[in-house]
Protein backbone atom coordinates (compact mmCIF):
# COMPACT_ATOMS: atom_id res chain seq x y z
CA UNK A 1 -24.53 78.83 44.10
CA UNK A 2 -24.60 81.02 41.00
CA UNK A 3 -22.78 80.21 37.78
CA UNK A 4 -20.44 83.15 38.35
CA UNK A 5 -19.39 81.99 41.86
CA UNK A 6 -18.97 78.41 40.70
CA UNK A 7 -16.75 79.57 37.85
CA UNK A 8 -14.76 81.73 40.29
CA UNK A 9 -13.96 78.64 42.40
CA UNK A 10 -12.79 76.69 39.41
CA UNK A 11 -10.67 79.55 38.17
CA UNK A 12 -9.32 80.06 41.70
CA UNK A 13 -8.11 76.46 41.86
CA UNK A 14 -6.26 76.84 38.55
CA UNK A 15 -4.52 80.09 39.66
CA UNK A 16 -3.58 78.54 42.98
CA UNK A 17 -1.99 75.59 41.23
CA UNK A 18 -0.14 77.82 38.74
CA UNK A 19 1.21 79.90 41.66
CA UNK A 20 2.47 76.83 43.45
CA UNK A 21 4.55 75.86 40.45
CA UNK A 22 6.78 79.00 40.63
CA UNK A 23 6.50 79.51 44.38
CA UNK A 24 8.06 76.09 44.96
CA UNK A 25 10.98 77.00 42.64
CA UNK A 26 11.85 80.50 43.84
CA UNK A 27 15.52 80.64 42.95
CA UNK A 28 15.02 79.07 39.52
CA UNK A 29 12.10 81.36 38.83
CA UNK A 30 14.08 84.53 39.65
CA UNK A 31 17.02 83.43 37.61
CA UNK A 32 14.75 82.94 34.56
CA UNK A 33 13.26 86.44 35.15
CA UNK A 34 16.76 87.99 35.27
CA UNK A 35 17.85 86.22 32.10
CA UNK A 36 14.69 87.38 30.36
CA UNK A 37 15.07 91.01 31.36
CA UNK A 38 18.68 91.24 30.33
CA UNK A 39 18.13 89.48 27.06
CA UNK A 40 15.13 91.54 26.19
CA UNK A 41 16.78 94.94 27.00
CA UNK A 42 20.30 94.17 25.64
CA UNK A 43 19.90 96.49 22.68
CA UNK A 44 18.28 99.44 24.51
CA UNK A 45 20.28 102.58 25.33
CA UNK A 46 20.52 101.44 28.91
CA UNK A 47 21.47 97.92 28.05
CA UNK A 48 24.31 99.09 25.74
CA UNK A 49 25.54 101.62 28.33
CA UNK A 50 25.71 98.88 31.00
CA UNK A 51 27.16 96.10 28.90
CA UNK A 52 24.20 93.71 29.08
CA UNK A 53 25.81 91.53 26.46
CA UNK A 54 28.47 90.49 29.10
CA UNK A 55 25.99 89.65 31.93
CA UNK A 56 25.99 85.95 32.66
CA UNK A 57 25.19 85.86 36.38
CA UNK A 58 23.92 87.98 39.22
CA UNK A 59 27.46 88.86 40.07
CA UNK A 60 27.85 90.35 36.57
CA UNK A 61 24.54 92.15 36.91
CA UNK A 62 25.47 93.74 40.23
CA UNK A 63 28.87 94.75 38.82
CA UNK A 64 27.45 96.55 35.79
CA UNK A 65 24.25 98.01 37.21
CA UNK A 66 24.53 100.23 40.33
CA UNK A 67 21.65 100.75 42.74
CA UNK A 68 19.69 103.81 41.71
CA UNK A 69 16.76 105.95 42.88
CA UNK A 70 14.60 107.98 40.55
CA UNK A 71 16.93 110.98 40.53
CA UNK A 72 19.77 108.78 39.34
CA UNK A 73 17.61 107.14 36.61
CA UNK A 74 16.05 110.47 35.62
CA UNK A 75 18.28 111.23 32.63
CA UNK A 76 17.07 108.09 30.95
CA UNK A 77 13.46 108.64 31.95
CA UNK A 78 13.53 112.15 30.54
CA UNK A 79 14.53 110.75 27.11
CA UNK A 80 11.51 108.38 27.32
CA UNK A 81 9.20 111.24 28.33
CA UNK A 82 10.41 113.14 25.29
CA UNK A 83 9.23 110.26 23.06
CA UNK A 84 12.51 108.42 22.37
CA UNK A 85 12.22 104.65 21.81
CA UNK A 86 14.41 101.77 23.10
CA UNK A 87 15.86 103.74 26.01
CA UNK A 88 15.20 101.64 29.10
CA UNK A 89 13.03 98.94 27.49
CA UNK A 90 12.25 98.08 23.84
CA UNK A 91 9.90 100.51 22.18
CA UNK A 92 7.89 103.08 24.08
CA UNK A 93 5.90 102.53 27.34
CA UNK A 94 2.12 102.36 27.19
CA UNK A 95 1.73 104.85 30.06
CA UNK A 96 3.49 106.81 32.63
CA UNK A 97 2.24 106.61 36.20
CA UNK A 98 2.71 110.06 37.55
CA UNK A 99 3.71 110.08 41.20
CA UNK A 100 5.14 112.34 43.85
CA UNK A 101 8.80 113.16 43.50
CA UNK A 102 11.36 113.48 46.22
CA UNK A 103 13.55 116.45 45.15
CA UNK A 104 12.45 117.62 41.72
CA UNK A 105 8.60 117.44 41.51
CA UNK A 106 6.71 114.76 39.77
CA UNK A 107 8.09 111.38 38.87
CA UNK A 108 7.15 109.51 35.68
CA UNK A 109 7.22 105.72 36.16
CA UNK A 110 6.95 103.80 32.88
CA UNK A 111 4.34 101.08 32.35
CA UNK A 112 4.91 98.86 29.35
CA UNK A 113 2.80 96.28 27.48
CA UNK A 114 4.76 93.63 29.27
CA UNK A 115 4.46 95.09 32.77
CA UNK A 116 0.90 96.34 32.71
CA UNK A 117 -0.80 92.96 32.73
CA UNK A 118 0.91 91.90 35.92
CA UNK A 119 -0.64 94.82 37.80
CA UNK A 120 -4.06 93.56 36.74
CA UNK A 121 -3.35 89.83 37.27
CA UNK A 122 -1.87 90.39 40.78
CA UNK A 123 -5.00 92.16 42.07
CA UNK A 124 -7.22 89.46 40.45
CA UNK A 125 -5.08 86.56 41.83
CA UNK A 126 -5.19 87.99 45.39
CA UNK A 127 -8.98 87.68 45.27
CA UNK A 128 -8.83 84.21 43.74
CA UNK A 129 -6.38 82.97 46.37
CA UNK A 130 -8.90 84.14 49.00
CA UNK A 131 -11.69 82.22 47.18
CA UNK A 132 -9.54 79.06 46.98
CA UNK A 133 -8.60 79.22 50.66
CA UNK A 134 -12.00 80.13 52.17
CA UNK A 135 -14.34 78.67 49.71
CA UNK A 136 -16.20 81.94 49.84
CA UNK A 137 -17.22 83.16 46.38
CA UNK A 138 -20.78 84.55 46.85
CA UNK A 139 -19.40 88.10 46.86
CA UNK A 140 -18.78 87.92 43.13
CA UNK A 141 -22.53 88.23 42.63
CA UNK A 142 -22.65 91.56 44.54
CA UNK A 143 -21.41 94.99 43.62
CA UNK A 144 -17.70 95.95 44.06
CA UNK A 145 -16.26 99.34 44.61
CA UNK A 146 -12.67 100.41 44.04
CA UNK A 147 -11.97 103.84 45.47
CA UNK A 148 -9.31 105.26 43.16
CA UNK A 149 -8.02 108.30 41.28
CA UNK A 150 -9.60 109.72 38.18
CA UNK A 151 -9.28 107.50 35.06
CA UNK A 152 -8.93 110.65 32.87
CA UNK A 153 -5.43 110.69 31.38
CA UNK A 154 -3.23 113.34 29.85
CA UNK A 155 -0.66 112.73 27.12
CA UNK A 156 2.97 113.48 26.55
CA UNK A 157 4.62 112.77 23.16
CA UNK A 158 2.18 110.02 22.33
CA UNK A 159 2.33 108.38 25.80
CA UNK A 160 -0.64 108.76 28.14
CA UNK A 161 -0.04 109.43 31.83
CA UNK A 162 -1.95 109.78 35.09
CA UNK A 163 -2.23 108.21 38.53
CA UNK A 164 -1.68 104.48 38.65
CA UNK A 165 -5.15 103.80 40.06
CA UNK A 166 -6.66 105.80 37.26
CA UNK A 167 -4.74 103.93 34.65
CA UNK A 168 -5.70 100.58 36.14
CA UNK A 169 -9.40 101.59 35.86
CA UNK A 170 -9.01 101.22 32.07
CA UNK A 171 -8.11 97.50 32.46
CA UNK A 172 -10.99 96.25 34.62
CA UNK A 173 -12.03 92.92 33.09
CA UNK A 174 -15.28 92.88 31.16
CA UNK A 175 -16.78 90.24 33.50
CA UNK A 176 -16.42 92.73 36.38
CA UNK A 177 -17.70 95.87 34.57
CA UNK A 178 -21.31 95.09 35.29
CA UNK A 179 -20.61 94.75 39.05
CA UNK A 180 -18.09 97.53 39.32
CA UNK A 181 -18.83 100.85 40.99
CA UNK A 182 -18.77 103.82 41.01
CA UNK A 183 -19.83 104.96 37.50
CA UNK A 184 -17.23 106.23 35.12
CA UNK A 185 -18.62 109.81 35.44
CA UNK A 186 -18.33 109.72 39.26
CA UNK A 187 -14.89 108.23 39.07
CA UNK A 188 -13.83 111.28 37.00
CA UNK A 189 -14.75 113.85 39.61
CA UNK A 190 -11.56 115.61 40.79
CA UNK A 191 -12.75 117.09 44.05
CA UNK A 192 -12.52 114.27 46.56
CA UNK A 193 -15.33 115.48 48.87
CA UNK A 194 -17.73 115.77 45.93
CA UNK A 195 -16.59 112.41 44.66
CA UNK A 196 -17.16 110.66 47.98
CA UNK A 197 -20.60 112.27 48.30
CA UNK A 198 -21.49 111.07 44.75
CA UNK A 199 -20.22 107.57 45.57
CA UNK A 200 -22.36 107.51 48.68
CA UNK A 201 -25.39 108.41 46.66
CA UNK A 202 -24.64 105.83 43.94
CA UNK A 203 -23.92 102.97 46.23
CA UNK A 204 -26.21 103.47 49.19
CA UNK A 205 -29.02 101.35 47.88
CA UNK A 206 -26.80 98.77 46.09
CA UNK A 207 -25.73 95.31 47.19
CA UNK A 208 -22.07 96.16 47.97
CA UNK A 209 -20.06 92.97 48.72
CA UNK A 210 -16.39 94.07 48.09
CA UNK A 211 -14.93 97.43 49.03
CA UNK A 212 -11.39 98.33 48.17
CA UNK A 213 -9.03 101.26 48.68
CA UNK A 214 -6.47 103.01 50.87
CA UNK A 215 -7.87 102.85 54.53
CA UNK A 216 -7.83 106.57 55.07
CA UNK A 217 -9.94 107.24 52.00
CA UNK A 218 -12.35 104.37 52.70
CA UNK A 219 -12.78 105.53 56.30
CA UNK A 220 -14.15 108.80 54.96
CA UNK A 221 -16.54 106.91 52.68
CA UNK A 222 -17.84 104.84 55.60
CA UNK A 223 -18.32 107.87 57.76
CA UNK A 224 -20.38 109.54 55.06
CA UNK A 225 -22.42 106.41 54.67
CA UNK A 226 -23.10 106.24 58.39
CA UNK A 227 -24.12 109.86 58.51
CA UNK A 228 -26.59 109.38 55.63
CA UNK A 229 -28.14 106.20 56.95
CA UNK A 230 -27.84 106.75 60.68
CA UNK A 231 -26.67 103.09 60.98
CA UNK A 232 -23.60 100.96 60.60
CA UNK A 233 -22.12 100.26 57.24
CA UNK A 234 -22.61 96.50 57.79
CA UNK A 235 -26.35 97.17 58.15
CA UNK A 236 -26.44 99.33 55.03
CA UNK A 237 -24.53 96.66 53.06
CA UNK A 238 -25.71 93.40 54.59
CA UNK A 239 -23.56 91.32 52.14
CA UNK A 240 -20.40 93.36 52.58
CA UNK A 241 -17.84 90.65 53.35
CA UNK A 242 -14.42 91.58 51.95
CA UNK A 243 -12.23 94.65 52.35
CA UNK A 244 -9.17 94.93 50.10
CA UNK A 245 -6.49 97.52 50.97
CA UNK A 246 -2.97 98.60 50.35
CA UNK A 247 -0.75 101.67 50.51
CA UNK A 248 -0.69 102.10 54.38
CA UNK A 249 -0.80 99.86 57.36
CA UNK A 250 -4.37 98.87 58.16
CA UNK A 251 -3.76 98.02 61.83
CA UNK A 252 -4.14 101.66 63.22
CA UNK A 253 -7.55 101.82 61.39
CA UNK A 254 -8.82 98.33 62.23
CA UNK A 255 -10.67 99.17 65.44
CA UNK A 256 -12.21 102.26 63.84
CA UNK A 257 -13.32 100.25 60.80
CA UNK A 258 -14.86 97.55 62.81
CA UNK A 259 -16.81 100.15 64.78
CA UNK A 260 -17.97 101.92 61.54
CA UNK A 261 -19.00 98.48 59.93
CA UNK A 262 -20.45 97.09 63.15
CA UNK A 263 -18.84 93.70 62.68
CA UNK A 264 -15.66 92.05 61.51
CA UNK A 265 -15.05 91.63 57.76
CA UNK A 266 -12.39 89.55 56.05
CA UNK A 267 -9.58 91.61 54.48
CA UNK A 268 -6.82 91.13 51.86
CA UNK A 269 -3.63 93.23 51.98
CA UNK A 270 -1.92 94.23 48.76
CA UNK A 271 1.58 95.63 48.12
CA UNK A 272 1.18 97.60 44.83
CA UNK A 273 3.16 100.52 43.62
CA UNK A 274 3.62 102.47 40.36
CA UNK A 275 6.89 100.60 39.92
CA UNK A 276 5.26 97.19 40.14
CA UNK A 277 2.76 95.00 41.98
CA UNK A 278 5.06 93.19 44.43
CA UNK A 279 2.94 91.06 46.77
CA UNK A 280 -0.45 90.14 48.06
CA UNK A 281 -1.92 88.30 50.99
CA UNK A 282 -2.38 84.65 49.91
CA UNK A 283 -3.42 83.23 53.33
CA UNK A 284 -5.82 84.74 55.86
CA UNK A 285 -3.92 83.50 58.85
CA UNK A 286 -0.37 83.65 57.62
CA UNK A 287 1.77 86.68 58.48
CA UNK A 288 2.98 88.53 55.44
CA UNK A 289 2.20 88.79 51.72
CA UNK A 290 3.37 86.32 48.98
CA UNK A 291 6.23 87.95 47.03
CA UNK A 292 5.52 87.72 43.31
CA UNK A 293 8.61 86.19 41.90
CA UNK A 294 7.23 85.37 38.51
CA UNK A 295 5.88 88.78 37.49
CA UNK A 296 8.55 90.33 35.35
CA UNK A 297 10.45 91.74 38.38
CA UNK A 298 13.92 90.63 39.53
CA UNK A 299 14.49 91.39 43.23
CA UNK A 300 17.58 92.21 45.11
CA UNK A 301 17.79 92.94 48.87
CA UNK A 302 20.26 95.05 50.85
CA UNK A 303 20.35 94.92 54.63
CA UNK A 304 18.96 98.27 55.88
CA UNK A 305 21.81 98.71 58.35
CA UNK A 306 24.33 98.20 55.56
CA UNK A 307 22.50 100.21 52.89
CA UNK A 308 24.64 103.39 53.20
CA UNK A 309 27.93 101.49 53.15
CA UNK A 310 30.11 102.14 50.09
CA UNK A 311 29.59 98.72 48.57
CA UNK A 312 26.76 96.89 50.39
CA UNK A 313 26.10 93.26 49.44
CA UNK A 314 23.10 92.71 47.19
CA UNK A 315 21.30 89.47 48.16
CA UNK A 316 19.16 87.47 45.82
CA UNK A 317 15.94 85.62 46.88
CA UNK A 318 17.84 82.41 47.87
CA UNK A 319 20.06 84.26 50.28
CA UNK A 320 17.63 86.22 52.48
CA UNK A 321 16.88 85.49 56.09
CA UNK A 322 13.78 85.90 58.23
CA UNK A 323 13.27 88.98 60.35
CA UNK A 324 15.95 91.16 58.78
CA UNK A 325 15.14 94.61 57.58
CA UNK A 326 15.95 94.72 53.88
CA UNK A 327 15.86 97.57 51.36
CA UNK A 328 14.07 96.10 48.28
CA UNK A 329 15.78 96.74 44.94
CA UNK A 330 13.93 95.96 41.70
CA UNK A 331 14.66 95.50 38.02
CA UNK A 332 11.57 95.21 35.87
CA UNK A 333 10.07 94.66 32.45
CA UNK A 334 9.03 98.36 32.58
CA UNK A 335 12.69 99.44 32.36
CA UNK A 336 13.67 100.06 35.94
CA UNK A 337 17.09 98.73 36.72
CA UNK A 338 18.62 98.36 40.15
CA UNK A 339 15.88 100.60 41.31
CA UNK A 340 15.44 101.54 45.00
CA UNK A 341 11.79 102.07 45.65
CA UNK A 342 12.56 103.22 49.19
CA UNK A 343 10.59 100.57 50.98
CA UNK A 344 12.05 98.25 53.57
CA UNK A 345 10.67 94.77 53.99
CA UNK A 346 11.05 91.81 56.21
CA UNK A 347 10.54 88.16 55.31
CA UNK A 348 8.09 86.31 57.50
CA UNK A 349 8.41 83.02 55.53
CA UNK A 350 10.70 81.48 53.03
CA UNK A 351 8.39 78.51 52.09
CA UNK A 352 6.86 80.28 50.30
CA UNK A 353 8.51 83.76 50.36
CA UNK A 354 6.26 86.16 52.24
CA UNK A 355 7.03 89.70 53.28
CA UNK A 356 5.75 92.52 55.33
CA UNK A 357 6.44 96.17 54.60
CA UNK A 358 8.46 97.41 57.54
CA UNK A 359 8.89 101.03 56.55
CA UNK A 360 11.11 103.28 54.49
CA UNK A 361 14.88 103.40 54.30
CA UNK A 362 14.70 107.02 55.39
CA UNK A 363 12.45 108.49 58.13
CA UNK A 364 9.06 109.33 56.75
CA UNK A 365 5.40 109.85 57.49
CA UNK A 366 2.85 107.83 55.50
CA UNK A 367 0.02 107.15 57.99
CA UNK A 368 -2.44 108.21 55.31
CA UNK A 369 -0.45 107.36 52.16
CA UNK A 370 1.26 110.77 51.91
CA UNK A 371 4.87 109.61 51.79
CA UNK A 372 6.31 112.69 53.50
CA UNK A 373 10.10 112.59 53.76
CA UNK A 374 12.56 114.46 56.01
CA UNK A 375 13.71 116.85 53.24
CA UNK A 376 10.11 118.01 52.74
CA UNK A 377 9.50 118.92 56.36
CA UNK A 378 12.83 120.65 56.65
CA UNK A 379 12.18 122.71 53.44
CA UNK A 380 8.70 123.65 54.70
CA UNK A 381 9.98 124.96 58.03
CA UNK A 382 12.70 126.88 56.27
CA UNK A 383 10.24 128.40 53.87
CA UNK A 384 7.85 129.43 56.68
CA UNK A 385 10.67 131.12 58.59
CA UNK A 386 11.86 133.18 55.55
CA UNK A 387 11.23 136.87 56.08
CA UNK A 388 10.47 136.47 59.82
CA UNK A 389 12.57 136.64 62.93
CA UNK A 390 11.42 133.19 64.12
CA UNK A 391 14.24 130.96 65.41
CA UNK A 392 13.84 127.25 65.99
CA UNK A 393 16.09 125.10 68.23
CA UNK A 394 14.71 121.67 67.31
CA UNK A 395 11.61 119.99 65.88
CA UNK A 396 10.08 116.72 64.89
CA UNK A 397 6.85 115.76 63.13
CA UNK A 398 4.39 112.86 63.84
CA UNK A 399 0.94 111.92 62.61
CA UNK A 400 -2.06 112.19 64.91
CA UNK A 401 -4.41 109.55 63.63
CA UNK A 402 -7.02 109.60 66.41
CA UNK A 403 -7.49 113.15 67.74
CA UNK A 404 -10.00 113.83 70.44
CA UNK A 405 -12.00 115.92 67.98
CA UNK A 406 -11.87 116.94 64.37
CA UNK A 407 -9.91 115.60 61.48
CA UNK A 408 -6.46 113.82 61.87
CA UNK A 409 -3.40 115.92 61.25
CA UNK A 410 0.41 116.17 61.24
CA UNK A 411 1.62 117.42 64.62
CA UNK A 412 4.80 119.45 64.57
CA UNK A 413 6.61 119.56 67.94
CA UNK A 414 8.83 122.70 67.86
CA UNK A 415 11.14 124.14 70.43
CA UNK A 416 11.37 127.84 69.53
CA UNK A 417 14.23 130.08 70.41
CA UNK A 418 11.98 132.95 69.29
CA UNK A 419 8.26 132.34 68.66
CA UNK A 420 6.33 133.68 65.74
CA UNK A 421 4.02 136.59 66.63
CA UNK A 422 1.11 134.75 64.91
CA UNK A 423 1.34 131.02 65.52
CA UNK A 424 -1.72 130.29 63.33
CA UNK A 425 -0.28 132.10 60.35
CA UNK A 426 3.07 130.35 60.88
CA UNK A 427 1.41 126.92 60.88
CA UNK A 428 -0.50 127.75 57.72
CA UNK A 429 2.82 128.86 56.03
CA UNK A 430 4.25 125.42 56.89
CA UNK A 431 1.17 123.74 55.53
CA UNK A 432 1.28 125.71 52.32
CA UNK A 433 4.87 124.77 51.80
CA UNK A 434 4.14 121.14 52.47
CA UNK A 435 1.27 121.07 49.97
CA UNK A 436 3.43 122.58 47.31
CA UNK A 437 6.12 119.87 47.68
CA UNK A 438 3.97 116.80 48.12
CA UNK A 439 0.95 116.06 45.87
CA UNK A 440 -0.29 113.27 48.21
CA UNK A 441 -0.27 115.52 51.16
CA UNK A 442 -2.06 118.21 49.16
CA UNK A 443 -4.73 115.67 48.08
CA UNK A 444 -5.29 114.73 51.72
CA UNK A 445 -5.75 118.34 52.78
CA UNK A 446 -7.94 119.36 49.84
CA UNK A 447 -9.93 116.16 50.30
CA UNK A 448 -10.59 116.92 53.94
CA UNK A 449 -8.83 113.71 55.02
CA UNK A 450 -6.38 115.73 57.08
CA UNK A 451 -6.60 119.16 58.51
CA UNK A 452 -3.74 121.61 58.37
CA UNK A 453 -0.72 121.09 60.59
CA UNK A 454 -0.97 121.62 64.34
CA UNK A 455 2.05 123.05 66.22
CA UNK A 456 2.79 121.84 69.72
CA UNK A 457 5.36 123.96 71.51
CA UNK A 458 8.12 122.01 73.32
CA UNK A 459 9.62 123.62 76.46
CA UNK A 460 13.20 124.78 76.74
CA UNK A 461 15.68 121.83 76.43
CA UNK A 462 12.68 119.50 75.98
CA UNK A 463 14.34 117.59 73.13
CA UNK A 464 17.59 117.35 75.06
CA UNK A 465 15.82 115.87 77.98
CA UNK A 466 14.04 113.35 75.66
CA UNK A 467 17.31 112.25 74.09
CA UNK A 468 18.85 111.94 77.54
CA UNK A 469 15.94 109.80 78.67
CA UNK A 470 16.62 107.24 75.95
CA UNK A 471 20.43 107.29 76.39
CA UNK A 472 21.11 109.12 73.13
CA UNK A 473 22.20 112.53 74.24
CA UNK A 474 25.19 113.87 72.35
CA UNK A 475 27.74 112.03 70.17
CA UNK A 476 26.48 111.04 66.74
CA UNK A 477 22.84 110.62 67.87
CA UNK A 478 20.26 112.55 66.02
CA UNK A 479 16.65 113.24 66.65
CA UNK A 480 14.52 111.94 63.71
CA UNK A 481 12.95 114.87 61.89
CA UNK A 482 9.81 112.79 61.44
CA UNK A 483 8.38 109.36 62.31
CA UNK A 484 5.42 107.34 61.29
CA UNK A 485 4.29 106.62 64.79
CA UNK A 486 3.81 108.54 68.06
CA UNK A 487 6.62 107.03 70.17
CA UNK A 488 8.62 110.31 70.22
CA UNK A 489 5.41 112.43 70.18
CA UNK A 490 3.95 110.70 73.26
CA UNK A 491 7.19 110.93 75.14
CA UNK A 492 7.36 114.66 74.43
């Protein structure tokens, strides 16, 4: 056993014990976080506007601070972007994580000196929990790769901004830098295909032990490796033993990955976002990820089926139940207050509190991490129809993850009243409109992870027959504009 792997085991035991202290006192831990947040931000613009000085309990907090999404919080964020201090959190943020917006382009999510360390610690602690549980630490002696965005950052009014994964690259601990790949220069390549090719060349003859990234991106890397070496990834990297992932559900990819690798490899699931690092898998055989209750984030939960009520109840950690779909609401030490991140979760355990990500509060597609929402597909179809005599009766969109040939794609099922004269041009017009609206989708197309949309024509009254077959014809029943699985698609 090397000195590094021995030290990792000792450190892992300490982190595990530290975690148990707050995990065994979940309600008390969250109450302390709430008190800290309110006290710290009392003199900010937001704190004064929302009477933080009068908040003594969660009931007070819920009374003074409404649930918001980014658009609702945007007037405050815009002040921060312009360089104002003490708006949402004391001082200025260190960074803005630039992410895809819902209705008005890019979103700028603040990262502060208080919040940023938790992003780094959570990723580290996920690995250390794995070491503590399994006793496996040899991988720390090998090379590790984290497939991520470019670490090159821009600047607005003295605050740097970029993709979260690129920002995090600046915080890789010194003890990992020697083992970390790819090189800084390769990481800065913007074109994804060129970047993957460069990563393949850099890593092919290395002793890779840990590989991390969104499954769809990693799959492309594995396919390029297999093509170069004419053998399985597990043969190329004989000591590859741990895959770390987040962003999308791994299960649809698992069989494909095991085929590409040639064997099973342990994995760790993470639940990171620009808004915070919420959870990680702390046990290999336990369902769900440990919700991080001591990381500068106060959580509230609203039952998904009550979310659109006028005054839905906001539950705290001590009030939640297993198996219920909750919308997760966060308030953070980055200055997000009563913030709806859009994800729905379910608790799989309350001792300790573990969660799975069950979806989005609105219908969406994110089979590859693209976060496409209903409004985007509706706008794309509308834009493609402008200036034409095309008429559409009904449509829905679903991902095709495993096509018979070629790259995966978004499949648009459309019942036309009047078809376009050039179906190929029409599908390209939809694709262009989608890429303009959604930066993640654009990245996937330009990176050759997805090919452009494929249109499948649905026969006359096909959607009506489908709705009838599931007992939802007429009344208030609506066909989802999009879904993240192929249930409707396969039925059609």
